[in-house]
């Protein structure tokens, strides 16, 4: 009786491993597509952040240079 149950368990395990192997083979393309989408999202976010940061830093530098370069009789200037 225990020999039968051991054989039955072994067969179930082998069929699950075969099904798992097929599933992994079928999902390899999906994993690659998901990787590409994540890469695109990360690149888009980084480009958007760099563009926004560079624009605001550039505006700040222009204001500082204009404040320093323009001679002024009084000590008040705006940044």
N, C-alpha and C. Protein backbone atom coordinates (compact mmCIF):
# COMPACT_ATOMS: atom_id res chain seq x y z
N UNK A 1 0.83 -1.19 0.00
CA UNK A 1 0.00 0.00 0.00
C UNK A 1 0.87 1.26 0.00
N UNK A 2 1.94 1.27 0.82
CA UNK A 2 2.79 2.45 0.85
C UNK A 2 3.57 2.60 -0.45
N UNK A 3 3.90 1.49 -1.11
CA UNK A 3 4.59 1.54 -2.38
C UNK A 3 3.69 2.20 -3.44
N UNK A 4 2.41 1.89 -3.41
CA UNK A 4 1.46 2.49 -4.35
C UNK A 4 1.35 3.99 -4.11
N UNK A 5 1.25 4.39 -2.85
CA UNK A 5 1.10 5.82 -2.57
C UNK A 5 2.38 6.57 -2.91
N UNK A 6 3.54 5.96 -2.70
CA UNK A 6 4.80 6.61 -3.04
C UNK A 6 4.91 6.78 -4.55
N UNK A 7 4.51 5.77 -5.31
CA UNK A 7 4.52 5.85 -6.77
C UNK A 7 3.55 6.92 -7.25
N UNK A 8 2.38 7.00 -6.63
CA UNK A 8 1.38 7.99 -6.99
C UNK A 8 1.90 9.40 -6.73
N UNK A 9 2.54 9.60 -5.58
CA UNK A 9 3.09 10.93 -5.24
C UNK A 9 4.19 11.31 -6.22
N UNK A 10 5.04 10.36 -6.58
CA UNK A 10 6.12 10.62 -7.52
C UNK A 10 5.56 11.03 -8.89
N UNK A 11 4.52 10.35 -9.35
CA UNK A 11 3.91 10.70 -10.63
C UNK A 11 3.30 12.09 -10.60
N UNK A 12 2.63 12.43 -9.51
CA UNK A 12 2.03 13.77 -9.40
C UNK A 12 3.11 14.84 -9.42
N UNK A 13 4.21 14.57 -8.71
CA UNK A 13 5.31 15.53 -8.66
C UNK A 13 5.91 15.73 -10.04
N UNK A 14 6.11 14.64 -10.78
CA UNK A 14 6.70 14.75 -12.12
C UNK A 14 5.78 15.50 -13.08
N UNK A 15 4.47 15.27 -12.99
CA UNK A 15 3.55 15.99 -13.89
C UNK A 15 3.51 17.48 -13.54
N UNK A 16 3.61 17.80 -12.27
CA UNK A 16 3.64 19.22 -11.89
C UNK A 16 4.92 19.88 -12.38
N UNK A 17 6.05 19.17 -12.31
CA UNK A 17 7.31 19.73 -12.78
C UNK A 17 7.27 19.96 -14.29
N UNK A 18 6.67 19.02 -15.03
CA UNK A 18 6.55 19.18 -16.48
C UNK A 18 5.68 20.38 -16.80
N UNK A 19 4.56 20.54 -16.10
CA UNK A 19 3.68 21.69 -16.33
C UNK A 19 4.39 22.99 -15.98
N UNK A 20 5.17 22.98 -14.90
CA UNK A 20 5.91 24.17 -14.50
C UNK A 20 6.95 24.53 -15.55
N UNK A 21 7.61 23.52 -16.10
CA UNK A 21 8.60 23.75 -17.16
C UNK A 21 7.97 24.38 -18.39
N UNK A 22 6.80 23.91 -18.78
CA UNK A 22 6.09 24.49 -19.92
C UNK A 22 5.69 25.93 -19.64
N UNK A 23 5.23 26.18 -18.42
CA UNK A 23 4.78 27.51 -18.05
C UNK A 23 5.95 28.50 -18.11
N UNK A 24 7.11 28.10 -17.62
CA UNK A 24 8.28 28.97 -17.65
C UNK A 24 8.69 29.27 -19.09
N UNK A 25 8.64 28.27 -19.94
CA UNK A 25 9.01 28.49 -21.34
C UNK A 25 8.04 29.46 -22.01
N UNK A 26 6.77 29.36 -21.70
CA UNK A 26 5.78 30.23 -22.32
C UNK A 26 5.86 31.67 -21.81
N UNK A 27 6.37 31.87 -20.60
CA UNK A 27 6.39 33.22 -20.02
C UNK A 27 7.69 33.95 -20.25
N UNK A 28 8.64 33.36 -20.94
CA UNK A 28 9.91 34.04 -21.17
C UNK A 28 9.72 35.29 -22.02
N UNK A 29 8.90 35.24 -23.02
CA UNK A 29 8.64 36.42 -23.85
C UNK A 29 7.92 37.51 -23.09
N UNK A 30 7.00 37.12 -22.22
CA UNK A 30 6.26 38.09 -21.43
C UNK A 30 7.20 38.80 -20.46
N UNK A 31 8.14 38.09 -19.88
CA UNK A 31 9.09 38.72 -18.97
C UNK A 31 9.93 39.75 -19.69
N UNK A 32 10.33 39.46 -20.90
CA UNK A 32 11.13 40.40 -21.68
C UNK A 32 10.33 41.66 -22.00
N UNK A 33 9.07 41.49 -22.38
CA UNK A 33 8.20 42.64 -22.67
C UNK A 33 7.99 43.48 -21.42
N UNK A 34 7.77 42.83 -20.28
CA UNK A 34 7.61 43.56 -19.02
C UNK A 34 8.88 44.33 -18.69
N UNK A 35 10.04 43.73 -18.92
CA UNK A 35 11.30 44.42 -18.68
C UNK A 35 11.41 45.66 -19.57
N UNK A 36 11.04 45.53 -20.84
CA UNK A 36 11.11 46.68 -21.74
C UNK A 36 10.17 47.80 -21.30
N UNK A 37 8.95 47.44 -20.87
CA UNK A 37 8.01 48.47 -20.40
C UNK A 37 8.53 49.17 -19.15
N UNK A 38 9.09 48.42 -18.22
CA UNK A 38 9.65 49.04 -17.02
C UNK A 38 10.82 49.95 -17.37
N UNK A 39 11.66 49.51 -18.29
CA UNK A 39 12.79 50.33 -18.72
C UNK A 39 12.31 51.62 -19.36
N UNK A 40 11.28 51.53 -20.21
CA UNK A 40 10.72 52.74 -20.84
C UNK A 40 10.15 53.70 -19.80
N UNK A 41 9.44 53.16 -18.82
CA UNK A 41 8.85 54.00 -17.78
C UNK A 41 9.94 54.70 -16.97
N UNK A 42 10.98 53.94 -16.59
CA UNK A 42 12.07 54.55 -15.81
C UNK A 42 12.82 55.60 -16.62
N UNK A 43 13.05 55.33 -17.89
CA UNK A 43 13.73 56.32 -18.73
C UNK A 43 12.89 57.58 -18.90
N UNK A 44 11.59 57.41 -19.09
CA UNK A 44 10.70 58.56 -19.22
C UNK A 44 10.67 59.41 -17.97
N UNK A 45 10.58 58.74 -16.82
CA UNK A 45 10.58 59.48 -15.56
C UNK A 45 11.90 60.22 -15.34
N UNK A 46 13.01 59.56 -15.62
CA UNK A 46 14.30 60.23 -15.40
C UNK A 46 14.49 61.41 -16.34
N UNK A 47 14.07 61.26 -17.59
CA UNK A 47 14.20 62.38 -18.54
C UNK A 47 13.31 63.55 -18.10
N UNK A 48 12.09 63.25 -17.65
CA UNK A 48 11.19 64.31 -17.20
C UNK A 48 11.75 65.02 -15.97
N UNK A 49 12.31 64.26 -15.05
CA UNK A 49 12.87 64.89 -13.84
C UNK A 49 14.11 65.73 -14.16
N UNK A 50 14.99 65.22 -15.02
CA UNK A 50 16.19 65.97 -15.38
C UNK A 50 15.82 67.24 -16.12
N UNK A 51 14.87 67.16 -17.04
CA UNK A 51 14.44 68.34 -17.79
C UNK A 51 13.85 69.39 -16.86
N UNK A 52 13.00 68.96 -15.95
CA UNK A 52 12.40 69.91 -15.00
C UNK A 52 13.43 70.52 -14.06
N UNK A 53 14.35 69.70 -13.60
CA UNK A 53 15.38 70.19 -12.68
C UNK A 53 16.32 71.16 -13.38
N UNK A 54 16.74 70.82 -14.59
CA UNK A 54 17.64 71.70 -15.33
C UNK A 54 16.97 73.04 -15.65
N UNK A 55 15.69 73.01 -15.98
CA UNK A 55 14.99 74.25 -16.29
C UNK A 55 14.92 75.18 -15.08
N UNK A 56 14.61 74.62 -13.92
CA UNK A 56 14.50 75.46 -12.73
C UNK A 56 15.87 75.97 -12.26
N UNK A 57 16.90 75.16 -12.40
CA UNK A 57 18.25 75.59 -12.01
C UNK A 57 18.73 76.68 -12.96
N UNK A 58 18.44 76.52 -14.25
CA UNK A 58 18.84 77.53 -15.22
C UNK A 58 18.18 78.88 -14.96
N UNK A 59 16.90 78.84 -14.62
CA UNK A 59 16.19 80.09 -14.30
C UNK A 59 16.83 80.76 -13.07
N UNK A 60 17.15 79.98 -12.09
CA UNK A 60 17.75 80.52 -10.85
C UNK A 60 19.12 81.16 -11.14
N UNK A 61 19.95 80.48 -11.95
CA UNK A 61 21.26 81.03 -12.29
C UNK A 61 21.13 82.33 -13.08
N UNK A 62 20.19 82.40 -14.00
CA UNK A 62 19.99 83.63 -14.76
C UNK A 62 19.60 84.78 -13.84
N UNK A 63 18.73 84.50 -12.89
CA UNK A 63 18.30 85.56 -11.95
C UNK A 63 19.47 86.02 -11.09
N UNK A 64 20.30 85.09 -10.64
CA UNK A 64 21.45 85.47 -9.80
C UNK A 64 22.45 86.29 -10.61
N UNK A 65 22.75 85.87 -11.85
CA UNK A 65 23.70 86.60 -12.69
C UNK A 65 23.16 87.99 -12.99
N UNK A 66 21.88 88.11 -13.30
CA UNK A 66 21.30 89.43 -13.56
C UNK A 66 21.36 90.31 -12.32
N UNK A 67 21.14 89.74 -11.15
CA UNK A 67 21.18 90.53 -9.92
C UNK A 67 22.59 91.01 -9.62
N UNK A 68 23.59 90.19 -9.94
CA UNK A 68 24.98 90.59 -9.67
C UNK A 68 25.49 91.53 -10.76
N UNK A 69 25.16 91.28 -12.00
CA UNK A 69 25.74 92.03 -13.11
C UNK A 69 25.15 93.43 -13.27
N UNK A 70 23.92 93.65 -12.88
CA UNK A 70 23.30 94.96 -13.06
C UNK A 70 23.70 95.86 -11.90
N UNK A 71 24.39 96.97 -12.21
CA UNK A 71 24.72 97.91 -11.11
C UNK A 71 23.46 98.57 -10.58
N UNK A 72 23.42 98.71 -9.28
CA UNK A 72 22.22 99.21 -8.63
C UNK A 72 22.62 100.23 -7.57
N UNK A 73 21.89 101.37 -7.53
CA UNK A 73 22.19 102.38 -6.53
C UNK A 73 21.78 101.95 -5.14
N UNK A 74 20.72 101.20 -5.06
CA UNK A 74 20.25 100.75 -3.74
C UNK A 74 20.65 99.29 -3.55
N UNK A 75 20.45 98.80 -2.35
CA UNK A 75 20.83 97.42 -2.04
C UNK A 75 19.69 96.42 -2.19
N UNK A 76 18.57 96.83 -2.77
CA UNK A 76 17.46 95.86 -2.92
C UNK A 76 17.43 95.33 -4.34
N UNK A 77 17.34 94.04 -4.42
CA UNK A 77 17.15 93.35 -5.70
C UNK A 77 16.35 92.09 -5.45
N UNK A 78 15.69 91.64 -6.49
CA UNK A 78 14.84 90.45 -6.37
C UNK A 78 15.50 89.28 -7.08
N UNK A 79 15.31 88.11 -6.47
CA UNK A 79 15.77 86.89 -7.13
C UNK A 79 14.60 86.13 -7.64
